[in-house]
Amino acid sequence: AWIRPAALVRAWLGEPGICWRGRSTVRSVSRAGPLWQVCGRSGEVLAEAELVVLAAAHASAALSGDLPALHPVRGQVSWGFHRANQQLPAFPVNGHGHFIPAATVEGGTAWLCGSTYERCETDRSPRDADHRFNFEKLQLLLPAVARQVEPAFTDGSVQAWTGIRCVSADRRPYVGELSPGLWASTAMGSR
C-alpha cells in the first residue's frame, strides 16, 4: 500500500471533534479529575480530554513516565527517477532490504531501495556510504533490477531521503493503555 501522509492528515483534521494546535511544546500530560490535561512549556493547559494518545515518538517516554526508554535510529533510502527501457517489478519486493518500483514524487515516478538502520544516530545528512550499502542490499535482493538502476548510483544522480525512527529496546511498538484514558502509540520504527 502507498499512503500519502499529508493527504491522510488533512482527512483526519477534517473529521468532527478534531482540531490542530501547532507551534506548541507539550511539557507534561497529567490527570486532573476526570480529564487528562496536556500542558505547555509554561504550565498552561493546551488541551483537556477524557482520552489522550501519546504518539510523540521519542518524547512519548518523557510525557508518560511509564514507558521504557525509546531510541533514535537513522535510516537512509536511496532513490532515482525511472529511465527509459527499465524493466522493473510491478510490485514492491521485501526481504533483506526493500525495493519499491513506482513511487510518485515531485517531478515524476521514482524507484526506492534501502534502507539503512543506524542505532542512536540522529544526523540526517545524506551519506554516500549509505547509498553503497543500499545498492549492495539491492544486488542481493534483486540482481537484475540492481543492474538496471546501477547508472543512478555510478553517475551521481541517485537521491537520498533520510529520517529518524523511534524504536524500543526490543524493536517492538508500544501500543496500549498506560492508565485509564491515557494511551500510547509509539516506537513504530522497526515493526
Foldseek 3Di string as FASTA:
>chain_A
DDDDVVVVVVVVCPDPPHHDDPPFAFDEWADDDQWIFTATPVRHTPDIDNADEAAPFQCSCVHPVPDPHKWKWKKKKKKDADDPPQDDDPQKDDDQKIKGQFDDDVPGTMIIIDMDTHTRDDDFDDDLVGVVVRLVSCCVRPVVNSVVCVVCNVVVVIDMGMDMAIADPVQDFAFDAPDRNYTYTYRPRRD
